[in-house]
């Protein structure tokens, strides 16, 4: 077998370094390298240029990537939970605004409303199921001399919730009793809506629109 030149060996040396040559070619190169110092140095230079990745660095990079993905997933879940909570709060606020806040007075109904005196206390008894609360004015003095009276005013409110939903959620076993105060402190109790703004100046006008429901 004729001797193979260094040029030929160096042409196939990259393939030899990458270990993608046949067994016969590998033997030829190795035999040549035993005798040729220049080709051995060239091979060493080629191998020096091949830098294998550090396995620890790869593992660390994979670990860091996994942690980033994990944190990103957690952050997305937290963001989704916060967004869901905000939407629920907004929905509840909307429902509250529509069903609860707007109120209107319940007209006086002698079939459902009456003042009851229990011991020393006066109560407004209401047999309906749509009450959303009451507004009461403590006794105030009106008139002078023989016409001087201590009057109190009260009215009940209702809203969409108390009118259409509340009756289906509660059992109407007993009448609602609204405490009005000491019976001895009042001469007359009026029922009807009144505005607390400039209340005392408007009492005569307010009483014209109200219904007396109890007198001492």
N, C-alpha and C. Protein backbone atom coordinates (compact mmCIF):
# COMPACT_ATOMS: atom_id res chain seq x y z
N UNK A 1 0.85 -1.20 0.00
CA UNK A 1 0.00 0.00 0.00
C UNK A 1 0.88 1.24 0.00
N UNK A 2 0.64 2.14 -0.95
CA UNK A 2 1.44 3.37 -1.03
C UNK A 2 1.16 4.26 0.14
N UNK A 3 2.11 5.04 0.51
CA UNK A 3 1.98 5.95 1.65
C UNK A 3 1.02 7.08 1.30
N UNK A 4 0.12 7.36 2.25
CA UNK A 4 -0.87 8.42 2.03
C UNK A 4 -0.27 9.74 2.43
N UNK A 5 -0.47 10.74 1.60
CA UNK A 5 0.12 12.05 1.85
C UNK A 5 -0.57 12.76 3.01
N UNK A 6 0.15 13.71 3.59
CA UNK A 6 -0.41 14.50 4.71
C UNK A 6 -1.63 15.31 4.28
N UNK A 7 -1.61 15.78 3.03
CA UNK A 7 -2.75 16.57 2.55
C UNK A 7 -4.03 15.75 2.56
N UNK A 8 -3.92 14.50 2.13
CA UNK A 8 -5.10 13.63 2.13
C UNK A 8 -5.57 13.36 3.55
N UNK A 9 -4.63 13.08 4.45
CA UNK A 9 -4.97 12.80 5.84
C UNK A 9 -5.65 14.02 6.48
N UNK A 10 -5.08 15.19 6.20
CA UNK A 10 -5.65 16.40 6.81
C UNK A 10 -7.02 16.74 6.23
N UNK A 11 -7.26 16.30 4.98
CA UNK A 11 -8.59 16.53 4.40
C UNK A 11 -9.67 15.70 5.10
N UNK A 12 -9.28 14.49 5.47
CA UNK A 12 -10.27 13.62 6.13
C UNK A 12 -10.18 13.68 7.65
N UNK A 13 -9.21 14.46 8.16
CA UNK A 13 -9.02 14.51 9.61
C UNK A 13 -10.25 15.06 10.36
N UNK A 14 -10.94 16.08 9.83
CA UNK A 14 -12.15 16.54 10.54
C UNK A 14 -13.19 15.44 10.73
N UNK A 15 -13.33 14.59 9.70
CA UNK A 15 -14.26 13.47 9.80
C UNK A 15 -13.76 12.46 10.83
N UNK A 16 -12.44 12.30 10.86
CA UNK A 16 -11.84 11.37 11.84
C UNK A 16 -12.05 11.88 13.25
N UNK A 17 -11.84 13.18 13.46
CA UNK A 17 -12.03 13.77 14.79
C UNK A 17 -13.49 13.65 15.24
N UNK A 18 -14.39 13.79 14.27
CA UNK A 18 -15.82 13.68 14.61
C UNK A 18 -16.29 12.24 14.68
N UNK A 19 -15.39 11.30 14.38
CA UNK A 19 -15.66 9.86 14.46
C UNK A 19 -16.79 9.44 13.53
N UNK A 20 -16.72 9.94 12.30
CA UNK A 20 -17.76 9.55 11.33
C UNK A 20 -17.12 8.93 10.09
N UNK A 21 -15.92 8.31 10.28
CA UNK A 21 -15.26 7.61 9.17
C UNK A 21 -15.41 6.11 9.37
N UNK A 22 -15.16 5.38 8.30
CA UNK A 22 -15.23 3.92 8.39
C UNK A 22 -14.05 3.38 9.18
N UNK A 23 -14.13 2.13 9.55
CA UNK A 23 -13.05 1.51 10.32
C UNK A 23 -11.75 1.47 9.52
N UNK A 24 -11.84 1.19 8.23
CA UNK A 24 -10.63 1.13 7.39
C UNK A 24 -9.96 2.49 7.31
N UNK A 25 -10.78 3.52 7.11
CA UNK A 25 -10.22 4.88 7.04
C UNK A 25 -9.64 5.28 8.37
N UNK A 26 -10.28 4.88 9.43
CA UNK A 26 -9.77 5.19 10.76
C UNK A 26 -8.39 4.58 10.99
N UNK A 27 -8.22 3.33 10.55
CA UNK A 27 -6.92 2.66 10.71
C UNK A 27 -5.85 3.36 9.90
N UNK A 28 -6.20 3.78 8.69
CA UNK A 28 -5.23 4.47 7.84
C UNK A 28 -4.75 5.77 8.49
N UNK A 29 -5.71 6.51 9.05
CA UNK A 29 -5.36 7.77 9.69
C UNK A 29 -4.49 7.53 10.91
N UNK A 30 -4.85 6.54 11.70
CA UNK A 30 -4.10 6.27 12.93
C UNK A 30 -2.69 5.82 12.62
N UNK A 31 -2.52 4.99 11.57
CA UNK A 31 -1.19 4.55 11.17
C UNK A 31 -0.33 5.73 10.71
N UNK A 32 -1.00 6.64 10.00
CA UNK A 32 -0.28 7.82 9.53
C UNK A 32 0.14 8.71 10.69
N UNK A 33 -0.74 8.85 11.67
CA UNK A 33 -0.46 9.71 12.81
C UNK A 33 0.69 9.19 13.66
N UNK A 34 0.87 7.88 13.66
CA UNK A 34 1.97 7.31 14.42
C UNK A 34 3.31 7.77 13.87
N UNK A 35 3.36 8.00 12.57
CA UNK A 35 4.62 8.33 11.92
C UNK A 35 4.79 9.82 11.62
N UNK A 36 3.65 10.54 11.63
CA UNK A 36 3.71 11.96 11.21
C UNK A 36 3.41 12.88 12.37
N UNK A 37 4.42 13.58 12.83
CA UNK A 37 4.23 14.51 13.96
C UNK A 37 3.41 15.73 13.57
N UNK A 38 3.61 16.21 12.32
CA UNK A 38 2.86 17.39 11.88
C UNK A 38 1.35 17.14 11.87
N UNK A 39 0.99 15.97 11.41
CA UNK A 39 -0.45 15.64 11.38
C UNK A 39 -1.01 15.43 12.77
N UNK A 40 -0.16 14.89 13.67
CA UNK A 40 -0.63 14.74 15.06
C UNK A 40 -0.91 16.10 15.67
N UNK A 41 -0.01 17.05 15.43
CA UNK A 41 -0.23 18.41 15.97
C UNK A 41 -1.49 19.03 15.38
N UNK A 42 -1.70 18.79 14.08
CA UNK A 42 -2.90 19.34 13.43
C UNK A 42 -4.16 18.74 14.04
N UNK A 43 -4.10 17.44 14.33
CA UNK A 43 -5.24 16.79 14.94
C UNK A 43 -5.52 17.34 16.34
N UNK A 44 -4.44 17.58 17.10
CA UNK A 44 -4.60 18.13 18.44
C UNK A 44 -5.23 19.52 18.40
N UNK A 45 -4.84 20.32 17.38
CA UNK A 45 -5.43 21.65 17.22
C UNK A 45 -6.94 21.53 16.95
N UNK A 46 -7.28 20.56 16.10
CA UNK A 46 -8.70 20.37 15.76
C UNK A 46 -9.49 19.96 16.98
N UNK A 47 -8.94 19.04 17.76
CA UNK A 47 -9.64 18.58 18.95
C UNK A 47 -9.76 19.68 20.00
N UNK A 48 -8.75 20.56 20.02
CA UNK A 48 -8.79 21.67 20.99
C UNK A 48 -9.91 22.65 20.65
N UNK A 49 -10.22 22.74 19.35
CA UNK A 49 -11.28 23.67 18.93
C UNK A 49 -12.67 23.14 19.26
N UNK A 50 -12.77 21.83 19.43
CA UNK A 50 -14.07 21.24 19.75
C UNK A 50 -14.30 21.34 21.25
N UNK A 51 -15.24 22.21 21.65
CA UNK A 51 -15.52 22.43 23.08
C UNK A 51 -16.86 21.77 23.42
N UNK A 52 -16.76 20.74 24.19
CA UNK A 52 -17.99 20.06 24.60
C UNK A 52 -18.70 20.87 25.67
N UNK A 53 -20.00 20.94 25.63
CA UNK A 53 -20.74 21.71 26.63
C UNK A 53 -20.60 21.08 28.01
N UNK A 54 -20.55 21.96 28.98
CA UNK A 54 -20.45 21.52 30.38
C UNK A 54 -21.81 20.99 30.84
N UNK A 55 -21.77 19.73 31.24
CA UNK A 55 -23.03 19.09 31.62
C UNK A 55 -23.68 19.78 32.80
N UNK A 56 -22.84 20.25 33.74
CA UNK A 56 -23.40 20.94 34.91
C UNK A 56 -24.09 22.23 34.51
N UNK A 57 -23.45 22.95 33.54
CA UNK A 57 -24.06 24.19 33.09
C UNK A 57 -25.38 23.94 32.37
N UNK A 58 -25.39 22.84 31.58
CA UNK A 58 -26.63 22.49 30.88
C UNK A 58 -27.73 22.17 31.90
N UNK A 59 -27.41 21.36 32.90
CA UNK A 59 -28.39 21.01 33.92
C UNK A 59 -28.87 22.25 34.67
N UNK A 60 -27.94 23.17 34.96
CA UNK A 60 -28.31 24.40 35.66
C UNK A 60 -29.22 25.25 34.80
N UNK A 61 -28.89 25.33 33.51
CA UNK A 61 -29.72 26.12 32.60
C UNK A 61 -31.12 25.52 32.49
N UNK A 62 -31.19 24.17 32.41
CA UNK A 62 -32.50 23.51 32.36
C UNK A 62 -33.29 23.77 33.63
N UNK A 63 -32.57 23.73 34.77
CA UNK A 63 -33.23 23.96 36.04
C UNK A 63 -33.77 25.39 36.13
N UNK A 64 -32.95 26.36 35.67
CA UNK A 64 -33.38 27.75 35.69
C UNK A 64 -34.58 27.97 34.76
N UNK A 65 -34.54 27.32 33.58
CA UNK A 65 -35.66 27.43 32.65
C UNK A 65 -36.93 26.86 33.26
N UNK A 66 -36.79 25.70 33.91
CA UNK A 66 -37.95 25.07 34.56
C UNK A 66 -38.53 25.97 35.65
N UNK A 67 -37.63 26.58 36.44
CA UNK A 67 -38.10 27.47 37.51
C UNK A 67 -38.82 28.68 36.94
N UNK A 68 -38.26 29.23 35.83
CA UNK A 68 -38.92 30.38 35.20
C UNK A 68 -40.31 30.02 34.69
N UNK A 69 -40.39 28.84 34.04
CA UNK A 69 -41.69 28.40 33.53
C UNK A 69 -42.67 28.16 34.68
N UNK A 70 -42.15 27.57 35.77
CA UNK A 70 -42.98 27.29 36.93
C UNK A 70 -43.50 28.59 37.54
N UNK A 71 -42.61 29.58 37.72
CA UNK A 71 -43.01 30.87 38.29
C UNK A 71 -43.99 31.59 37.37
N UNK A 72 -43.74 31.48 36.07
CA UNK A 72 -44.64 32.13 35.12
C UNK A 72 -46.03 31.51 35.20
N UNK A 73 -46.08 30.18 35.31
CA UNK A 73 -47.37 29.49 35.42
C UNK A 73 -48.08 29.88 36.72
N UNK A 74 -47.32 29.93 37.82
CA UNK A 74 -47.91 30.33 39.10
C UNK A 74 -48.42 31.76 39.03
N UNK A 75 -47.62 32.65 38.43
CA UNK A 75 -48.03 34.05 38.30
C UNK A 75 -49.30 34.18 37.47
N UNK A 76 -49.39 33.37 36.41
CA UNK A 76 -50.59 33.41 35.59
C UNK A 76 -51.82 32.93 36.37
N UNK A 77 -51.60 31.89 37.19
CA UNK A 77 -52.73 31.39 37.99
C UNK A 77 -53.16 32.42 39.03
N UNK A 78 -52.16 33.09 39.63
CA UNK A 78 -52.48 34.13 40.62
C UNK A 78 -53.22 35.28 39.94
N UNK A 79 -52.72 35.68 38.76
CA UNK A 79 -53.36 36.77 38.02
C UNK A 79 -54.79 36.39 37.64
N UNK A 80 -54.98 35.13 37.22
CA UNK A 80 -56.32 34.67 36.86
C UNK A 80 -57.25 34.67 38.08
N UNK A 81 -56.70 34.24 39.23
CA UNK A 81 -57.51 34.24 40.46
C UNK A 81 -57.89 35.66 40.88
N UNK A 82 -56.92 36.58 40.78
CA UNK A 82 -57.20 37.98 41.14
C UNK A 82 -58.23 38.58 40.19
N UNK A 83 -58.05 38.31 38.90
CA UNK A 83 -59.01 38.82 37.92
C UNK A 83 -60.40 38.25 38.17
N UNK A 84 -60.46 36.95 38.50
CA UNK A 84 -61.75 36.33 38.81
C UNK A 84 -62.40 36.97 40.02
N UNK A 85 -61.58 37.23 41.05
CA UNK A 85 -62.12 37.87 42.26
C UNK A 85 -62.64 39.27 41.97
N UNK A 86 -61.89 40.01 41.12
CA UNK A 86 -62.32 41.36 40.76
C UNK A 86 -63.65 41.31 39.99
N UNK A 87 -63.76 40.36 39.07
CA UNK A 87 -65.00 40.23 38.30
C UNK A 87 -66.18 39.86 39.20
N UNK A 88 -65.92 38.96 40.16
CA UNK A 88 -67.00 38.57 41.09
C UNK A 88 -67.43 39.77 41.93
N UNK A 89 -66.43 40.54 42.43
CA UNK A 89 -66.74 41.73 43.24
C UNK A 89 -67.52 42.75 42.41
N UNK A 90 -67.09 42.92 41.15
CA UNK A 90 -67.78 43.87 40.28
C UNK A 90 -69.22 43.42 40.02
N UNK A 91 -69.38 42.10 39.84
CA UNK A 91 -70.73 41.56 39.61
C UNK A 91 -71.60 41.77 40.85
N UNK A 92 -71.04 41.47 42.04
CA UNK A 92 -71.80 41.65 43.27
C UNK A 92 -72.13 43.12 43.50
N UNK A 93 -71.16 44.00 43.20
CA UNK A 93 -71.41 45.43 43.36
C UNK A 93 -72.51 45.89 42.42
N UNK A 94 -72.49 45.34 41.19
CA UNK A 94 -73.54 45.69 40.24
C UNK A 94 -74.91 45.21 40.69
N UNK A 95 -74.96 43.97 41.18
CA UNK A 95 -76.22 43.42 41.69
C UNK A 95 -76.72 44.24 42.88
N UNK A 96 -75.78 44.59 43.79
CA UNK A 96 -76.16 45.38 44.97
C UNK A 96 -76.69 46.75 44.55
N UNK A 97 -76.01 47.37 43.58
CA UNK A 97 -76.43 48.69 43.11
C UNK A 97 -77.81 48.66 42.49
N UNK A 98 -78.09 47.60 41.75
CA UNK A 98 -79.38 47.52 41.05
C UNK A 98 -80.51 47.06 41.96
N UNK A 99 -80.23 46.03 42.78
CA UNK A 99 -81.31 45.40 43.55
C UNK A 99 -81.51 46.00 44.95
N UNK A 100 -80.47 46.58 45.52
CA UNK A 100 -80.55 46.98 46.93
C UNK A 100 -80.59 48.49 47.14
N UNK A 101 -79.72 49.21 46.45
CA UNK A 101 -79.61 50.65 46.74
C UNK A 101 -80.86 51.47 46.41
N UNK A 102 -81.43 51.34 45.21
CA UNK A 102 -82.63 52.16 44.93
C UNK A 102 -83.80 51.73 45.81
N UNK A 103 -84.30 52.66 46.62
CA UNK A 103 -85.40 52.34 47.54
C UNK A 103 -86.58 53.27 47.29
N UNK A 104 -87.74 52.76 47.63
CA UNK A 104 -88.95 53.57 47.55
C UNK A 104 -89.79 53.30 48.79
N UNK A 105 -90.55 54.30 49.23
CA UNK A 105 -91.36 54.09 50.44
C UNK A 105 -92.53 53.14 50.17
N UNK A 106 -92.84 52.36 51.16
CA UNK A 106 -94.01 51.48 51.08
C UNK A 106 -95.24 52.30 51.49
N UNK A 107 -96.24 52.40 50.64
CA UNK A 107 -97.44 53.18 51.00
C UNK A 107 -98.11 52.60 52.25
N UNK A 108 -98.76 53.47 52.99
CA UNK A 108 -99.44 53.00 54.19
C UNK A 108 -100.60 52.09 53.81
N UNK A 109 -100.66 50.94 54.50
CA UNK A 109 -101.72 49.96 54.26
C UNK A 109 -102.28 49.56 55.62
N UNK A 110 -103.48 50.05 55.96
CA UNK A 110 -104.05 49.74 57.28
C UNK A 110 -104.31 48.25 57.49
N UNK A 111 -104.35 47.47 56.38
CA UNK A 111 -104.55 46.03 56.51
C UNK A 111 -103.28 45.32 56.96
N UNK A 112 -102.13 45.97 56.74
CA UNK A 112 -100.85 45.34 57.09
C UNK A 112 -100.09 46.09 58.17
N UNK A 113 -100.47 47.34 58.43
CA UNK A 113 -99.70 48.17 59.37
C UNK A 113 -100.56 48.66 60.51
N UNK A 114 -100.02 48.60 61.72
CA UNK A 114 -100.67 49.20 62.88
C UNK A 114 -99.65 49.40 63.99
N UNK A 115 -99.93 50.36 64.85
CA UNK A 115 -99.06 50.63 65.99
C UNK A 115 -99.54 49.78 67.16
N UNK A 116 -98.62 49.07 67.76
CA UNK A 116 -98.93 48.25 68.93
C UNK A 116 -98.13 48.76 70.12
N UNK A 117 -98.80 48.81 71.26
CA UNK A 117 -98.15 49.22 72.51
C UNK A 117 -97.87 47.96 73.32
N UNK A 118 -96.60 47.71 73.56
CA UNK A 118 -96.20 46.55 74.35
C UNK A 118 -95.47 47.07 75.58
N UNK A 119 -96.13 46.96 76.71
CA UNK A 119 -95.56 47.53 77.92
C UNK A 119 -95.53 49.05 77.81
N UNK A 120 -94.36 49.64 77.89
CA UNK A 120 -94.22 51.08 77.74
C UNK A 120 -93.75 51.48 76.35
N UNK A 121 -93.54 50.51 75.49
CA UNK A 121 -92.94 50.80 74.18
C UNK A 121 -93.96 50.73 73.06
N UNK A 122 -93.71 51.56 72.05
CA UNK A 122 -94.57 51.58 70.86
C UNK A 122 -93.83 50.92 69.70
N UNK A 123 -94.54 50.07 68.98
CA UNK A 123 -93.96 49.37 67.83
C UNK A 123 -94.87 49.54 66.61
N UNK A 124 -94.26 49.59 65.45
CA UNK A 124 -95.02 49.53 64.21
C UNK A 124 -95.00 48.08 63.74
N UNK A 125 -96.17 47.47 63.68
CA UNK A 125 -96.30 46.08 63.24
C UNK A 125 -96.58 46.07 61.74
N UNK A 126 -95.80 45.27 61.01
CA UNK A 126 -95.98 45.19 59.56
C UNK A 126 -96.12 43.73 59.14
N UNK A 127 -97.23 43.42 58.46
CA UNK A 127 -97.52 42.04 58.08
C UNK A 127 -97.01 41.70 56.68
N UNK A 128 -96.32 42.62 56.02
CA UNK A 128 -95.79 42.34 54.69
C UNK A 128 -94.43 41.66 54.75
N UNK A 129 -93.94 41.25 53.58
CA UNK A 129 -92.63 40.56 53.50
C UNK A 129 -91.64 41.30 52.61
N UNK A 130 -91.96 42.54 52.24
CA UNK A 130 -91.11 43.26 51.29
C UNK A 130 -90.37 44.43 51.92
N UNK A 131 -90.31 44.49 53.24
CA UNK A 131 -89.65 45.61 53.89
C UNK A 131 -88.13 45.51 53.77
N UNK A 132 -87.51 46.64 53.41
CA UNK A 132 -86.05 46.70 53.33
C UNK A 132 -85.48 47.66 54.36
N UNK A 133 -86.28 47.96 55.39
CA UNK A 133 -85.80 48.87 56.42
C UNK A 133 -86.81 49.97 56.71
N UNK A 134 -86.53 50.74 57.73
CA UNK A 134 -87.46 51.81 58.13
C UNK A 134 -86.69 53.10 58.38
N UNK A 135 -87.42 54.20 58.30
CA UNK A 135 -86.88 55.52 58.63
C UNK A 135 -87.78 56.10 59.71
N UNK A 136 -87.18 56.52 60.82
CA UNK A 136 -87.95 56.99 61.97
C UNK A 136 -87.41 58.33 62.44
N UNK A 137 -88.32 59.21 62.79
CA UNK A 137 -87.96 60.51 63.36
C UNK A 137 -88.37 60.54 64.83
N UNK A 138 -87.41 60.81 65.69
CA UNK A 138 -87.72 60.91 67.12
C UNK A 138 -88.76 62.01 67.37
N UNK A 139 -89.51 61.90 68.46
CA UNK A 139 -90.57 62.88 68.73
C UNK A 139 -90.05 64.31 68.70
N UNK A 140 -90.83 65.16 68.03
CA UNK A 140 -90.53 66.59 67.98
C UNK A 140 -91.78 67.35 68.41
N UNK A 141 -91.56 68.54 68.92
CA UNK A 141 -92.67 69.34 69.43
C UNK A 141 -93.22 70.23 68.32
N UNK A 142 -94.53 70.21 68.15
CA UNK A 142 -95.20 71.09 67.19
C UNK A 142 -96.36 71.79 67.89
N UNK A 143 -96.71 72.96 67.40
CA UNK A 143 -97.83 73.70 67.98
C UNK A 143 -97.42 74.40 69.28
N UNK A 144 -98.36 75.18 69.79
CA UNK A 144 -98.13 75.91 71.02
C UNK A 144 -99.37 75.84 71.90
N UNK A 145 -99.16 76.08 73.17
CA UNK A 145 -100.28 76.09 74.13
C UNK A 145 -101.04 74.79 74.14
N UNK A 146 -102.38 74.93 74.02
CA UNK A 146 -103.23 73.74 74.06
C UNK A 146 -103.02 72.85 72.84
N UNK A 147 -102.46 73.42 71.78
CA UNK A 147 -102.25 72.65 70.55
C UNK A 147 -100.87 71.99 70.51
N UNK A 148 -100.13 72.15 71.56
CA UNK A 148 -98.77 71.61 71.60
C UNK A 148 -98.82 70.08 71.63
N UNK A 149 -98.07 69.46 70.70
CA UNK A 149 -98.06 68.00 70.61
C UNK A 149 -96.62 67.49 70.38
N UNK A 150 -96.40 66.24 70.87
CA UNK A 150 -95.16 65.54 70.57
C UNK A 150 -95.48 64.51 69.48
N UNK A 151 -94.90 64.74 68.33
CA UNK A 151 -95.21 63.85 67.21
C UNK A 151 -93.96 63.07 66.79
N UNK A 152 -94.20 61.88 66.25
CA UNK A 152 -93.13 61.07 65.69
C UNK A 152 -93.54 60.65 64.28
N UNK A 153 -92.57 60.38 63.44
CA UNK A 153 -92.86 60.02 62.05
C UNK A 153 -92.05 58.78 61.66
N UNK A 154 -92.66 57.97 60.84
CA UNK A 154 -92.01 56.74 60.43
C UNK A 154 -92.52 56.33 59.06
N UNK A 155 -91.68 55.64 58.30
CA UNK A 155 -92.13 54.98 57.07
C UNK A 155 -91.19 53.82 56.75
N UNK A 156 -91.69 52.87 56.00
CA UNK A 156 -90.91 51.69 55.60
C UNK A 156 -90.46 51.83 54.15
N UNK A 157 -89.32 51.23 53.86
CA UNK A 157 -88.76 51.23 52.51
C UNK A 157 -88.84 49.84 51.91
N UNK A 158 -88.78 49.78 50.59
CA UNK A 158 -88.63 48.51 49.88
C UNK A 158 -87.75 48.74 48.66
N UNK A 159 -87.13 47.67 48.18
CA UNK A 159 -86.32 47.72 46.96
C UNK A 159 -86.62 46.48 46.13
N UNK A 160 -85.90 46.33 45.02
CA UNK A 160 -86.14 45.19 44.14
C UNK A 160 -85.85 43.86 44.84
N UNK A 161 -84.79 43.86 45.65
CA UNK A 161 -84.44 42.63 46.36
C UNK A 161 -85.54 42.23 47.33
N UNK A 162 -85.97 43.18 48.17
CA UNK A 162 -86.97 42.84 49.18
C UNK A 162 -88.33 42.54 48.57
N UNK A 163 -88.58 43.10 47.37
CA UNK A 163 -89.89 42.90 46.74
C UNK A 163 -89.99 41.57 46.01
N UNK A 164 -88.93 41.19 45.28
CA UNK A 164 -89.03 40.02 44.40
C UNK A 164 -88.22 38.80 44.84
N UNK A 165 -87.20 39.00 45.64
CA UNK A 165 -86.34 37.88 46.02
C UNK A 165 -86.48 37.51 47.50
N UNK A 166 -86.47 38.51 48.36
CA UNK A 166 -86.54 38.27 49.80
C UNK A 166 -87.73 37.41 50.22
N UNK A 167 -88.93 37.62 49.67
CA UNK A 167 -90.07 36.79 50.11
C UNK A 167 -89.88 35.30 49.88
N UNK A 168 -89.04 34.93 48.90
CA UNK A 168 -88.83 33.51 48.60
C UNK A 168 -87.72 32.90 49.45
N UNK A 169 -86.99 33.74 50.19
CA UNK A 169 -85.86 33.25 50.98
C UNK A 169 -86.16 33.15 52.47
N UNK A 170 -87.28 33.68 52.89
CA UNK A 170 -87.59 33.68 54.31
C UNK A 170 -89.01 33.19 54.55
N UNK A 171 -89.21 32.65 55.73
CA UNK A 171 -90.54 32.20 56.12
C UNK A 171 -91.24 33.33 56.87
N UNK A 172 -92.42 33.67 56.40
CA UNK A 172 -93.16 34.75 57.03
C UNK A 172 -94.05 34.16 58.12
N UNK A 173 -93.45 33.95 59.29
CA UNK A 173 -94.20 33.38 60.41
C UNK A 173 -94.85 34.44 61.29
N UNK A 174 -94.14 35.53 61.53
CA UNK A 174 -94.65 36.57 62.41
C UNK A 174 -94.52 37.93 61.73
N UNK A 175 -95.34 38.88 62.18
CA UNK A 175 -95.25 40.23 61.64
C UNK A 175 -93.93 40.88 62.07
N UNK A 176 -93.43 41.76 61.22
CA UNK A 176 -92.24 42.52 61.56
C UNK A 176 -92.60 43.60 62.56
N UNK A 177 -91.79 43.75 63.61
CA UNK A 177 -92.05 44.74 64.66
C UNK A 177 -90.91 45.76 64.66
N UNK A 178 -91.25 47.02 64.38
CA UNK A 178 -90.26 48.09 64.34
C UNK A 178 -90.43 48.97 65.58
N UNK A 179 -89.37 49.03 66.38
CA UNK A 179 -89.44 49.81 67.62
C UNK A 179 -89.47 51.30 67.31
N UNK A 180 -90.43 52.02 67.95
CA UNK A 180 -90.59 53.45 67.71
C UNK A 180 -90.17 54.30 68.90
N UNK A 181 -90.18 53.73 70.08
CA UNK A 181 -89.80 54.52 71.25
C UNK A 181 -90.79 54.32 72.39
N UNK A 182 -90.66 55.17 73.42
CA UNK A 182 -91.57 55.12 74.57
C UNK A 182 -92.91 55.74 74.19
N UNK A 183 -93.96 55.02 74.42
CA UNK A 183 -95.29 55.52 74.07
C UNK A 183 -95.62 56.81 74.82
N UNK A 184 -95.14 56.93 76.06
CA UNK A 184 -95.44 58.13 76.86
C UNK A 184 -94.80 59.38 76.29
N UNK A 185 -93.79 59.23 75.43
CA UNK A 185 -93.08 60.39 74.86
C UNK A 185 -93.73 60.90 73.59
N UNK A 186 -94.79 60.22 73.12
CA UNK A 186 -95.40 60.60 71.84
C UNK A 186 -96.89 60.80 72.00
N UNK A 187 -97.41 61.83 71.34
CA UNK A 187 -98.85 62.06 71.32
C UNK A 187 -99.47 61.53 70.03
N UNK A 188 -98.76 61.70 68.94
CA UNK A 188 -99.24 61.24 67.64
C UNK A 188 -98.08 60.63 66.86
N UNK A 189 -98.39 59.56 66.14
CA UNK A 189 -97.40 58.95 65.24
C UNK A 189 -97.95 59.05 63.83
N UNK A 190 -97.14 59.62 62.94
CA UNK A 190 -97.52 59.79 61.54
C UNK A 190 -96.73 58.80 60.68
N UNK A 191 -97.41 58.37 59.61
CA UNK A 191 -96.74 57.50 58.64
C UNK A 191 -96.66 58.23 57.30
N UNK A 192 -95.45 58.19 56.71
CA UNK A 192 -95.26 58.81 55.39
C UNK A 192 -93.82 59.21 55.19
N UNK A 193 -93.45 59.37 53.93
CA UNK A 193 -92.07 59.73 53.60
C UNK A 193 -91.80 61.18 53.97
N UNK A 194 -90.62 61.43 54.51
CA UNK A 194 -90.20 62.79 54.82
C UNK A 194 -88.72 62.93 54.51
N UNK A 195 -88.31 64.14 54.23
CA UNK A 195 -86.93 64.45 53.89
C UNK A 195 -86.27 65.09 55.10
N UNK A 196 -85.12 64.58 55.48
CA UNK A 196 -84.45 65.09 56.68
C UNK A 196 -83.82 66.46 56.45
N UNK A 197 -83.64 66.86 55.16
CA UNK A 197 -83.05 68.16 54.87
C UNK A 197 -84.08 69.26 55.16
N UNK A 198 -83.67 70.25 55.95
CA UNK A 198 -84.56 71.35 56.37
C UNK A 198 -85.86 70.80 56.97
N UNK A 199 -85.69 69.74 57.74
CA UNK A 199 -86.85 69.00 58.25
C UNK A 199 -87.76 69.87 59.12
N UNK A 200 -87.17 70.58 60.09
CA UNK A 200 -87.98 71.31 61.05
C UNK A 200 -88.76 72.45 60.40
N UNK A 201 -88.16 73.10 59.39
CA UNK A 201 -88.86 74.18 58.71
C UNK A 201 -90.03 73.69 57.86
N UNK A 202 -89.96 72.40 57.48
CA UNK A 202 -90.98 71.85 56.57
C UNK A 202 -92.01 70.99 57.28
N UNK A 203 -91.96 70.90 58.60
CA UNK A 203 -92.87 70.01 59.31
C UNK A 203 -94.34 70.26 58.97
N UNK A 204 -94.82 71.51 58.98
CA UNK A 204 -96.25 71.72 58.65
C UNK A 204 -96.61 71.19 57.27
N UNK A 205 -95.72 71.39 56.28
CA UNK A 205 -96.01 70.89 54.93
C UNK A 205 -95.92 69.37 54.89
N UNK A 206 -94.96 68.81 55.62
CA UNK A 206 -94.79 67.36 55.62
C UNK A 206 -96.01 66.66 56.21
N UNK A 207 -96.53 67.20 57.30
CA UNK A 207 -97.66 66.55 57.99
C UNK A 207 -98.91 66.50 57.12
N UNK A 208 -99.03 67.45 56.19
CA UNK A 208 -100.20 67.45 55.31
C UNK A 208 -100.20 66.24 54.38
N UNK A 209 -99.00 65.70 54.10
CA UNK A 209 -98.88 64.57 53.19
C UNK A 209 -98.80 63.23 53.92
N UNK A 210 -98.89 63.27 55.26
CA UNK A 210 -98.72 62.05 56.04
C UNK A 210 -100.04 61.59 56.66
N UNK A 211 -100.03 60.34 57.10
CA UNK A 211 -101.23 59.73 57.68
C UNK A 211 -101.01 59.47 59.16
N UNK A 212 -101.88 60.04 60.03
CA UNK A 212 -101.77 59.72 61.46
C UNK A 212 -102.21 58.27 61.70
N UNK A 213 -101.35 57.46 62.29
CA UNK A 213 -101.68 56.04 62.48
C UNK A 213 -101.86 55.68 63.96
N UNK A 214 -101.56 56.63 64.84
CA UNK A 214 -101.77 56.36 66.28
C UNK A 214 -101.85 57.67 67.03
N UNK A 215 -102.78 57.73 67.99
CA UNK A 215 -102.91 58.88 68.87
C UNK A 215 -103.03 58.39 70.30
N UNK A 216 -102.44 59.15 71.19
CA UNK A 216 -102.49 58.78 72.61
C UNK A 216 -103.93 58.92 73.13
